[in-house]
PDB file of all heavy atoms in Angstrom:
ATOM      1  N   ARG A   1      49.600  57.892  79.089  1.00  0.00           N
ATOM      2  CA  ARG A   1      48.751  57.284  80.097  1.00  0.00           C
ATOM      3  C   ARG A   1      48.237  58.352  81.051  1.00  0.00           C
ATOM      4  O   ARG A   1      48.974  59.268  81.420  1.00  0.00           O
ATOM      5  CB  ARG A   1      49.514  56.206  80.870  1.00  0.00           C
ATOM      6  CG  ARG A   1      49.841  54.997  80.042  1.00  0.00           C
ATOM      7  CD  ARG A   1      50.444  53.889  80.864  1.00  0.00           C
ATOM      8  NE  ARG A   1      50.855  52.777  80.011  1.00  0.00           N
ATOM      9  CZ  ARG A   1      51.361  51.636  80.451  1.00  0.00           C
ATOM     10  NH1 ARG A   1      51.527  51.448  81.746  1.00  0.00           N
ATOM     11  NH2 ARG A   1      51.701  50.684  79.598  1.00  0.00           N
ATOM     12  N   GLU A   2      46.971  58.224  81.441  1.00  0.00           N
ATOM     13  CA  GLU A   2      46.378  59.203  82.319  1.00  0.00           C
ATOM     14  C   GLU A   2      45.706  58.529  83.509  1.00  0.00           C
ATOM     15  O   GLU A   2      45.220  57.396  83.421  1.00  0.00           O
ATOM     16  CB  GLU A   2      45.362  60.079  81.576  1.00  0.00           C
ATOM     17  CG  GLU A   2      44.167  59.319  81.027  1.00  0.00           C
ATOM     18  CD  GLU A   2      43.161  60.226  80.343  1.00  0.00           C
ATOM     19  OE1 GLU A   2      43.318  61.461  80.400  1.00  0.00           O
ATOM     20  OE2 GLU A   2      42.201  59.694  79.742  1.00  0.00           O
ATOM     21  N   PHE A   3      45.668  59.245  84.598  1.00  0.00           N
ATOM     22  CA  PHE A   3      45.038  58.779  85.818  1.00  0.00           C
ATOM     23  C   PHE A   3      43.525  58.725  85.647  1.00  0.00           C
ATOM     24  O   PHE A   3      42.930  59.611  85.028  1.00  0.00           O
ATOM     25  CB  PHE A   3      45.406  59.715  86.973  1.00  0.00           C
ATOM     26  CG  PHE A   3      44.544  59.554  88.178  1.00  0.00           C
ATOM     27  CD1 PHE A   3      44.708  58.476  89.034  1.00  0.00           C
ATOM     28  CD2 PHE A   3      43.558  60.482  88.467  1.00  0.00           C
ATOM     29  CE1 PHE A   3      43.909  58.327  90.158  1.00  0.00           C
ATOM     30  CE2 PHE A   3      42.757  60.348  89.585  1.00  0.00           C
ATOM     31  CZ  PHE A   3      42.939  59.260  90.428  1.00  0.00           C
ATOM     32  N   VAL A   4      42.889  57.695  86.229  1.00  0.00           N
ATOM     33  CA  VAL A   4      41.445  57.536  86.156  1.00  0.00           C
ATOM     34  C   VAL A   4      40.799  57.564  87.538  1.00  0.00           C
ATOM     35  O   VAL A   4      39.893  58.358  87.792  1.00  0.00           O
ATOM     36  CB  VAL A   4      41.057  56.235  85.429  1.00  0.00           C
ATOM     37  CG1 VAL A   4      39.543  56.038  85.451  1.00  0.00           C
ATOM     38  CG2 VAL A   4      41.571  56.249  83.995  1.00  0.00           C
ATOM     39  N   ALA A   5      41.248  56.679  88.434  1.00  0.00           N
ATOM     40  CA  ALA A   5      40.613  56.567  89.746  1.00  0.00           C
ATOM     41  C   ALA A   5      41.589  55.983  90.754  1.00  0.00           C
ATOM     42  O   ALA A   5      42.452  55.179  90.402  1.00  0.00           O
ATOM     43  CB  ALA A   5      39.360  55.695  89.667  1.00  0.00           C
ATOM     44  N   PHE A   6      41.427  56.344  92.027  1.00  0.00           N
ATOM     45  CA  PHE A   6      42.350  55.968  93.099  1.00  0.00           C
ATOM     46  C   PHE A   6      41.575  55.490  94.306  1.00  0.00           C
ATOM     47  O   PHE A   6      40.617  56.148  94.738  1.00  0.00           O
ATOM     48  CB  PHE A   6      43.216  57.177  93.477  1.00  0.00           C
ATOM     49  CG  PHE A   6      44.176  56.954  94.611  1.00  0.00           C
ATOM     50  CD1 PHE A   6      45.218  56.058  94.491  1.00  0.00           C
ATOM     51  CD2 PHE A   6      44.060  57.675  95.788  1.00  0.00           C
ATOM     52  CE1 PHE A   6      46.123  55.866  95.529  1.00  0.00           C
ATOM     53  CE2 PHE A   6      44.952  57.497  96.835  1.00  0.00           C
ATOM     54  CZ  PHE A   6      45.989  56.586  96.697  1.00  0.00           C
ATOM     55  N   ASP A   7      41.982  54.349  94.862  1.00  0.00           N
ATOM     56  CA  ASP A   7      41.375  53.792  96.067  1.00  0.00           C
ATOM     57  C   ASP A   7      42.473  53.564  97.099  1.00  0.00           C
ATOM     58  O   ASP A   7      43.193  52.567  97.029  1.00  0.00           O
ATOM     59  CB  ASP A   7      40.645  52.486  95.765  1.00  0.00           C
ATOM     60  CG  ASP A   7      39.921  51.922  96.971  1.00  0.00           C
ATOM     61  OD1 ASP A   7      39.455  52.709  97.811  1.00  0.00           O
ATOM     62  OD2 ASP A   7      39.796  50.683  97.071  1.00  0.00           O
ATOM     63  N   PRO A   8      42.618  54.459  98.076  1.00  0.00           N
ATOM     64  CA  PRO A   8      43.695  54.323  99.049  1.00  0.00           C
ATOM     65  C   PRO A   8      43.377  53.305 100.134  1.00  0.00           C
ATOM     66  O   PRO A   8      42.208  52.974 100.372  1.00  0.00           O
ATOM     67  CB  PRO A   8      43.787  55.731  99.648  1.00  0.00           C
ATOM     68  CG  PRO A   8      42.375  56.229  99.591  1.00  0.00           C
ATOM     69  CD  PRO A   8      41.809  55.664  98.312  1.00  0.00           C
ATOM     70  N   TRP A   9      44.415  52.809 100.806  1.00  0.00           N
ATOM     71  CA  TRP A   9      44.227  51.937 101.959  1.00  0.00           C
ATOM     72  C   TRP A   9      43.450  52.688 103.038  1.00  0.00           C
ATOM     73  O   TRP A   9      42.485  52.173 103.607  1.00  0.00           O
ATOM     74  CB  TRP A   9      45.591  51.465 102.466  1.00  0.00           C
ATOM     75  CG  TRP A   9      45.551  50.692 103.741  1.00  0.00           C
ATOM     76  CD1 TRP A   9      44.569  49.848 104.170  1.00  0.00           C
ATOM     77  CD2 TRP A   9      46.561  50.661 104.746  1.00  0.00           C
ATOM     78  NE1 TRP A   9      44.890  49.309 105.386  1.00  0.00           N
ATOM     79  CE2 TRP A   9      46.112  49.791 105.763  1.00  0.00           C
ATOM     80  CE3 TRP A   9      47.790  51.283 104.890  1.00  0.00           C
ATOM     81  CZ2 TRP A   9      46.860  49.529 106.905  1.00  0.00           C
ATOM     82  CZ3 TRP A   9      48.549  51.015 106.025  1.00  0.00           C
ATOM     83  CH2 TRP A   9      48.084  50.152 107.013  1.00  0.00           C
ATOM     84  N   ILE A  10      43.903  53.897 103.328  1.00  0.00           N
ATOM     85  CA  ILE A  10      43.234  54.759 104.290  1.00  0.00           C
ATOM     86  C   ILE A  10      42.962  56.094 103.616  1.00  0.00           C
ATOM     87  O   ILE A  10      43.883  56.721 103.090  1.00  0.00           O
ATOM     88  CB  ILE A  10      44.090  54.965 105.548  1.00  0.00           C
ATOM     89  CG1 ILE A  10      44.339  53.623 106.249  1.00  0.00           C
ATOM     90  CG2 ILE A  10      43.415  55.947 106.498  1.00  0.00           C
ATOM     91  CD1 ILE A  10      45.280  53.722 107.431  1.00  0.00           C
ATOM     92  N   GLY A  11      41.726  56.521 103.653  1.00  0.00           N
ATOM     93  CA  GLY A  11      41.368  57.782 103.050  1.00  0.00           C
ATOM     94  C   GLY A  11      40.202  57.641 102.088  1.00  0.00           C
ATOM     95  O   GLY A  11      39.517  56.618 102.059  1.00  0.00           O
ATOM     96  N   THR A  12      39.996  58.670 101.296  1.00  0.00           N
ATOM     97  CA  THR A  12      38.861  58.719 100.384  1.00  0.00           C
ATOM     98  C   THR A  12      39.302  58.468  98.955  1.00  0.00           C
ATOM     99  O   THR A  12      40.436  58.758  98.571  1.00  0.00           O
ATOM    100  CB  THR A  12      38.147  60.078 100.493  1.00  0.00           C
ATOM    101  OG1 THR A  12      36.948  60.047  99.716  1.00  0.00           O
ATOM    102  CG2 THR A  12      39.040  61.204  99.991  1.00  0.00           C
ATOM    103  N   THR A  13      38.390  57.929  98.162  1.00  0.00           N
ATOM    104  CA  THR A  13      38.661  57.696  96.756  1.00  0.00           C
ATOM    105  C   THR A  13      38.765  59.011  96.004  1.00  0.00           C
ATOM    106  O   THR A  13      38.269  60.052  96.445  1.00  0.00           O
ATOM    107  CB  THR A  13      37.569  56.823  96.125  1.00  0.00           C
ATOM    108  OG1 THR A  13      36.290  57.442  96.330  1.00  0.00           O
ATOM    109  CG2 THR A  13      37.552  55.445  96.771  1.00  0.00           C
ATOM    110  N   ALA A  14      39.415  58.963  94.847  1.00  0.00           N
ATOM    111  CA  ALA A  14      39.578  60.144  94.011  1.00  0.00           C
ATOM    112  C   ALA A  14      39.424  59.750  92.552  1.00  0.00           C
ATOM    113  O   ALA A  14      39.746  58.627  92.161  1.00  0.00           O
ATOM    114  CB  ALA A  14      40.943  60.786  94.245  1.00  0.00           C
ATOM    115  N   TYR A  15      38.939  60.699  91.741  1.00  0.00           N
ATOM    116  CA  TYR A  15      38.662  60.443  90.341  1.00  0.00           C
ATOM    117  C   TYR A  15      39.144  61.592  89.474  1.00  0.00           C
ATOM    118  O   TYR A  15      39.156  62.748  89.897  1.00  0.00           O
ATOM    119  CB  TYR A  15      37.156  60.259  90.107  1.00  0.00           C
ATOM    120  CG  TYR A  15      36.562  59.112  90.878  1.00  0.00           C
ATOM    121  CD1 TYR A  15      36.034  59.304  92.144  1.00  0.00           C
ATOM    122  CD2 TYR A  15      36.534  57.828  90.336  1.00  0.00           C
ATOM    123  CE1 TYR A  15      35.495  58.244  92.862  1.00  0.00           C
ATOM    124  CE2 TYR A  15      35.995  56.768  91.048  1.00  0.00           C
ATOM    125  CZ  TYR A  15      35.477  56.984  92.309  1.00  0.00           C
ATOM    126  OH  TYR A  15      34.938  55.925  93.016  1.00  0.00           O
ATOM    127  N   ALA A  16      39.518  61.250  88.248  1.00  0.00           N
ATOM    128  CA  ALA A  16      39.785  62.280  87.261  1.00  0.00           C
ATOM    129  C   ALA A  16      38.493  63.023  86.938  1.00  0.00           C
ATOM    130  O   ALA A  16      37.405  62.446  86.972  1.00  0.00           O
ATOM    131  CB  ALA A  16      40.366  61.659  85.991  1.00  0.00           C
ATOM    132  N   ASP A  17      38.610  64.305  86.618  1.00  0.00           N
ATOM    133  CA  ASP A  17      37.428  65.097  86.304  1.00  0.00           C
ATOM    134  C   ASP A  17      36.619  64.493  85.155  1.00  0.00           C
ATOM    135  O   ASP A  17      35.387  64.567  85.142  1.00  0.00           O
ATOM    136  CB  ASP A  17      37.832  66.530  85.945  1.00  0.00           C
ATOM    137  CG  ASP A  17      38.325  67.318  87.144  1.00  0.00           C
ATOM    138  OD1 ASP A  17      38.059  66.910  88.288  1.00  0.00           O
ATOM    139  OD2 ASP A  17      38.990  68.354  86.929  1.00  0.00           O
ATOM    140  N   SER A  18      37.296  63.874  84.205  1.00  0.00           N
ATOM    141  CA  SER A  18      36.637  63.347  83.028  1.00  0.00           C
ATOM    142  C   SER A  18      35.717  62.169  83.320  1.00  0.00           C
ATOM    143  O   SER A  18      34.839  61.858  82.514  1.00  0.00           O
ATOM    144  CB  SER A  18      37.680  62.935  81.983  1.00  0.00           C
ATOM    145  OG  SER A  18      38.554  61.955  82.501  1.00  0.00           O
ATOM    146  N   VAL A  19      35.912  61.494  84.471  1.00  0.00           N
ATOM    147  CA  VAL A  19      35.088  60.329  84.807  1.00  0.00           C
ATOM    148  C   VAL A  19      34.277  60.542  86.073  1.00  0.00           C
ATOM    149  O   VAL A  19      33.494  59.652  86.453  1.00  0.00           O
ATOM    150  CB  VAL A  19      35.946  59.057  84.944  1.00  0.00           C
ATOM    151  CG1 VAL A  19      36.784  58.837  83.698  1.00  0.00           C
ATOM    152  CG2 VAL A  19      36.828  59.115  86.187  1.00  0.00           C
ATOM    153  N   GLN A  20      34.431  61.668  86.727  1.00  0.00           N
ATOM    154  CA  GLN A  20      33.719  61.959  87.970  1.00  0.00           C
ATOM    155  C   GLN A  20      32.214  61.802  87.773  1.00  0.00           C
ATOM    156  O   GLN A  20      31.638  62.351  86.839  1.00  0.00           O
ATOM    157  CB  GLN A  20      34.051  63.370  88.447  1.00  0.00           C
ATOM    158  CG  GLN A  20      33.409  63.757  89.770  1.00  0.00           C
ATOM    159  CD  GLN A  20      34.070  63.067  90.945  1.00  0.00           C
ATOM    160  OE1 GLN A  20      35.297  63.008  91.028  1.00  0.00           O
ATOM    161  NE2 GLN A  20      33.276  62.532  91.852  1.00  0.00           N
ATOM    162  N   GLY A  21      31.583  61.050  88.664  1.00  0.00           N
ATOM    163  CA  GLY A  21      30.152  60.831  88.596  1.00  0.00           C
ATOM    164  C   GLY A  21      29.733  59.683  87.711  1.00  0.00           C
ATOM    165  O   GLY A  21      28.561  59.287  87.745  1.00  0.00           O
ATOM    166  N   ARG A  22      30.656  59.141  86.924  1.00  0.00           N
ATOM    167  CA  ARG A  22      30.334  58.025  86.041  1.00  0.00           C
ATOM    168  C   ARG A  22      31.033  56.733  86.446  1.00  0.00           C
ATOM    169  O   ARG A  22      30.486  55.647  86.270  1.00  0.00           O
ATOM    170  CB  ARG A  22      30.711  58.354  84.588  1.00  0.00           C
ATOM    171  CG  ARG A  22      29.959  59.552  84.024  1.00  0.00           C
ATOM    172  CD  ARG A  22      30.229  59.717  82.528  1.00  0.00           C
ATOM    173  NE  ARG A  22      31.637  59.991  82.251  1.00  0.00           N
ATOM    174  CZ  ARG A  22      32.426  59.223  81.511  1.00  0.00           C
ATOM    175  NH1 ARG A  22      31.941  58.108  80.954  1.00  0.00           N
ATOM    176  NH2 ARG A  22      33.697  59.562  81.300  1.00  0.00           N
ATOM    177  N   PHE A  23      32.254  56.838  86.973  1.00  0.00           N
ATOM    178  CA  PHE A  23      33.049  55.671  87.358  1.00  0.00           C
ATOM    179  C   PHE A  23      33.108  55.557  88.877  1.00  0.00           C
ATOM    180  O   PHE A  23      33.129  56.573  89.589  1.00  0.00           O
ATOM    181  CB  PHE A  23      34.479  55.782  86.820  1.00  0.00           C
ATOM    182  CG  PHE A  23      34.619  55.672  85.325  1.00  0.00           C
ATOM    183  CD1 PHE A  23      33.527  55.677  84.480  1.00  0.00           C
ATOM    184  CD2 PHE A  23      35.887  55.559  84.768  1.00  0.00           C
ATOM    185  CE1 PHE A  23      33.665  55.582  83.111  1.00  0.00           C
ATOM    186  CE2 PHE A  23      36.045  55.455  83.399  1.00  0.00           C
ATOM    187  CZ  PHE A  23      34.934  55.468  82.566  1.00  0.00           C
ATOM    188  N   THR A  24      33.182  54.316  89.366  1.00  0.00           N
ATOM    189  CA  THR A  24      33.311  54.061  90.790  1.00  0.00           C
ATOM    190  C   THR A  24      34.364  52.985  91.026  1.00  0.00           C
ATOM    191  O   THR A  24      34.279  51.900  90.449  1.00  0.00           O
ATOM    192  CB  THR A  24      31.986  53.602  91.411  1.00  0.00           C
ATOM    193  OG1 THR A  24      30.970  54.588  91.181  1.00  0.00           O
ATOM    194  CG2 THR A  24      32.141  53.391  92.916  1.00  0.00           C
ATOM    195  N   ILE A  25      35.346  53.280  91.875  1.00  0.00           N
ATOM    196  CA  ILE A  25      36.358  52.298  92.243  1.00  0.00           C
ATOM    197  C   ILE A  25      35.990  51.690  93.592  1.00  0.00           C
ATOM    198  O   ILE A  25      35.519  52.389  94.490  1.00  0.00           O
ATOM    199  CB  ILE A  25      37.771  52.925  92.266  1.00  0.00           C
ATOM    200  CG1 ILE A  25      38.845  51.844  92.449  1.00  0.00           C
ATOM    201  CG2 ILE A  25      37.890  53.997  93.339  1.00  0.00           C
ATOM    202  CD1 ILE A  25      40.265  52.359  92.245  1.00  0.00           C
ATOM    203  N   SER A  26      36.174  50.386  93.725  1.00  0.00           N
ATOM    204  CA  SER A  26      35.848  49.695  94.964  1.00  0.00           C
ATOM    205  C   SER A  26      36.714  48.449  95.079  1.00  0.00           C
ATOM    206  O   SER A  26      37.446  48.103  94.148  1.00  0.00           O
ATOM    207  CB  SER A  26      34.359  49.318  95.008  1.00  0.00           C
ATOM    208  OG  SER A  26      34.040  48.417  93.959  1.00  0.00           O
ATOM    209  N   ARG A  27      36.629  47.778  96.231  1.00  0.00           N
ATOM    210  CA  ARG A  27      37.397  46.551  96.390  1.00  0.00           C
ATOM    211  C   ARG A  27      36.646  45.524  97.222  1.00  0.00           C
ATOM    212  O   ARG A  27      35.784  45.862  98.043  1.00  0.00           O
ATOM    213  CB  ARG A  27      38.774  46.829  96.997  1.00  0.00           C
ATOM    214  CG  ARG A  27      38.771  47.273  98.447  1.00  0.00           C
ATOM    215  CD  ARG A  27      40.204  47.406  98.962  1.00  0.00           C
ATOM    216  NE  ARG A  27      40.906  48.523  98.336  1.00  0.00           N
ATOM    217  CZ  ARG A  27      42.233  48.664  98.325  1.00  0.00           C
ATOM    218  NH1 ARG A  27      43.007  47.751  98.890  1.00  0.00           N
ATOM    219  NH2 ARG A  27      42.786  49.722  97.747  1.00  0.00           N
ATOM    220  N   ASP A  28      36.974  44.264  96.986  1.00  0.00           N
ATOM    221  CA  ASP A  28      36.442  43.146  97.735  1.00  0.00           C
ATOM    222  C   ASP A  28      37.639  42.402  98.314  1.00  0.00           C
ATOM    223  O   ASP A  28      38.330  41.674  97.600  1.00  0.00           O
ATOM    224  CB  ASP A  28      35.614  42.230  96.833  1.00  0.00           C
ATOM    225  CG  ASP A  28      34.935  41.102  97.581  1.00  0.00           C
ATOM    226  OD1 ASP A  28      35.420  40.703  98.657  1.00  0.00           O
ATOM    227  OD2 ASP A  28      33.912  40.601  97.083  1.00  0.00           O
ATOM    228  N   ASN A  29      37.897  42.599  99.595  1.00  0.00           N
ATOM    229  CA  ASN A  29      39.075  42.005 100.212  1.00  0.00           C
ATOM    230  C   ASN A  29      39.011  40.481 100.244  1.00  0.00           C
ATOM    231  O   ASN A  29      40.046  39.817 100.163  1.00  0.00           O
ATOM    232  CB  ASN A  29      39.268  42.560 101.625  1.00  0.00           C
ATOM    233  CG  ASN A  29      39.729  43.995 101.635  1.00  0.00           C
ATOM    234  OD1 ASN A  29      40.453  44.437 100.741  1.00  0.00           O
ATOM    235  ND2 ASN A  29      39.325  44.747 102.649  1.00  0.00           N
ATOM    236  N   ALA A  30      37.812  39.925 100.371  1.00  0.00           N
ATOM    237  CA  ALA A  30      37.666  38.474 100.384  1.00  0.00           C
ATOM    238  C   ALA A  30      38.116  37.865  99.064  1.00  0.00           C
ATOM    239  O   ALA A  30      38.644  36.752  99.036  1.00  0.00           O
ATOM    240  CB  ALA A  30      36.228  38.084 100.686  1.00  0.00           C
ATOM    241  N   LYS A  31      37.892  38.578  97.967  1.00  0.00           N
ATOM    242  CA  LYS A  31      38.306  38.111  96.649  1.00  0.00           C
ATOM    243  C   LYS A  31      39.654  38.668  96.225  1.00  0.00           C
ATOM    244  O   LYS A  31      40.144  38.337  95.142  1.00  0.00           O
ATOM    245  CB  LYS A  31      37.248  38.468  95.606  1.00  0.00           C
ATOM    246  CG  LYS A  31      35.908  37.787  95.828  1.00  0.00           C
ATOM    247  CD  LYS A  31      34.918  38.157  94.729  1.00  0.00           C
ATOM    248  CE  LYS A  31      33.593  37.453  94.930  1.00  0.00           C
ATOM    249  NZ  LYS A  31      32.617  37.803  93.862  1.00  0.00           N
ATOM    250  N   ASN A  32      40.237  39.533  97.054  1.00  0.00           N
ATOM    251  CA  ASN A  32      41.531  40.138  96.764  1.00  0.00           C
ATOM    252  C   ASN A  32      41.508  40.835  95.402  1.00  0.00           C
ATOM    253  O   ASN A  32      42.422  40.691  94.585  1.00  0.00           O
ATOM    254  CB  ASN A  32      42.645  39.088  96.809  1.00  0.00           C
ATOM    255  CG  ASN A  32      44.010  39.685  97.072  1.00  0.00           C
ATOM    256  OD1 ASN A  32      44.144  40.668  97.802  1.00  0.00           O
ATOM    257  ND2 ASN A  32      45.045  39.096  96.482  1.00  0.00           N
ATOM    258  N   THR A  33      40.444  41.612  95.178  1.00  0.00           N
ATOM    259  CA  THR A  33      40.198  42.214  93.879  1.00  0.00           C
ATOM    260  C   THR A  33      39.729  43.657  94.036  1.00  0.00           C
ATOM    261  O   THR A  33      38.943  43.968  94.927  1.00  0.00           O
ATOM    262  CB  THR A  33      39.141  41.417  93.099  1.00  0.00           C
ATOM    263  OG1 THR A  33      39.591  40.068  92.927  1.00  0.00           O
ATOM    264  CG2 THR A  33      38.889  42.026  91.734  1.00  0.00           C
ATOM    265  N   VAL A  34      40.210  44.527  93.155  1.00  0.00           N
ATOM    266  CA  VAL A  34      39.744  45.908  93.048  1.00  0.00           C
ATOM    267  C   VAL A  34      38.951  46.041  91.757  1.00  0.00           C
ATOM    268  O   VAL A  34      39.329  45.478  90.725  1.00  0.00           O
ATOM    269  CB  VAL A  34      40.924  46.893  93.072  1.00  0.00           C
ATOM    270  CG1 VAL A  34      40.445  48.319  92.810  1.00  0.00           C
ATOM    271  CG2 VAL A  34      41.636  46.819  94.414  1.00  0.00           C
ATOM    272  N   TYR A  35      37.858  46.789  91.802  1.00  0.00           N
ATOM    273  CA  TYR A  35      36.973  46.927  90.657  1.00  0.00           C
ATOM    274  C   TYR A  35      36.903  48.376  90.183  1.00  0.00           C
ATOM    275  O   TYR A  35      37.135  49.316  90.939  1.00  0.00           O
ATOM    276  CB  TYR A  35      35.554  46.478  91.008  1.00  0.00           C
ATOM    277  CG  TYR A  35      35.462  45.047  91.472  1.00  0.00           C
ATOM    278  CD1 TYR A  35      35.374  44.733  92.823  1.00  0.00           C
ATOM    279  CD2 TYR A  35      35.462  44.001  90.555  1.00  0.00           C
ATOM    280  CE1 TYR A  35      35.289  43.421  93.247  1.00  0.00           C
ATOM    281  CE2 TYR A  35      35.378  42.687  90.967  1.00  0.00           C
ATOM    282  CZ  TYR A  35      35.290  42.395  92.314  1.00  0.00           C
ATOM    283  OH  TYR A  35      35.203  41.088  92.728  1.00  0.00           O
ATOM    284  N   LEU A  36      36.566  48.538  88.918  1.00  0.00           N
ATOM    285  CA  LEU A  36      36.224  49.836  88.368  1.00  0.00           C
ATOM    286  C   LEU A  36      34.894  49.695  87.645  1.00  0.00           C
ATOM    287  O   LEU A  36      34.836  49.100  86.563  1.00  0.00           O
ATOM    288  CB  LEU A  36      37.294  50.354  87.409  1.00  0.00           C
ATOM    289  CG  LEU A  36      37.050  51.759  86.856  1.00  0.00           C
ATOM    290  CD1 LEU A  36      37.168  52.800  87.967  1.00  0.00           C
ATOM    291  CD2 LEU A  36      38.023  52.078  85.721  1.00  0.00           C
ATOM    292  N   GLN A  37      33.832  50.203  88.252  1.00  0.00           N
ATOM    293  CA  GLN A  37      32.516  50.199  87.636  1.00  0.00           C
ATOM    294  C   GLN A  37      32.396  51.431  86.756  1.00  0.00           C
ATOM    295  O   GLN A  37      32.528  52.555  87.241  1.00  0.00           O
ATOM    296  CB  GLN A  37      31.418  50.196  88.694  1.00  0.00           C
ATOM    297  CG  GLN A  37      30.005  50.234  88.127  1.00  0.00           C
ATOM    298  CD  GLN A  37      29.646  48.975  87.384  1.00  0.00           C
ATOM    299  OE1 GLN A  37      29.891  47.869  87.865  1.00  0.00           O
ATOM    300  NE2 GLN A  37      29.070  49.120  86.193  1.00  0.00           N
TER     301      GLN A  37
END
């Protein structure tokens, strides 16, 4: 298993080099959901 993307409570998102610029992690607190585009 390998790391892909990270969305911290406080701070900036981070991505593996292999997906940088192609993947985006985000969240919708109203829906209690985290996404990976």
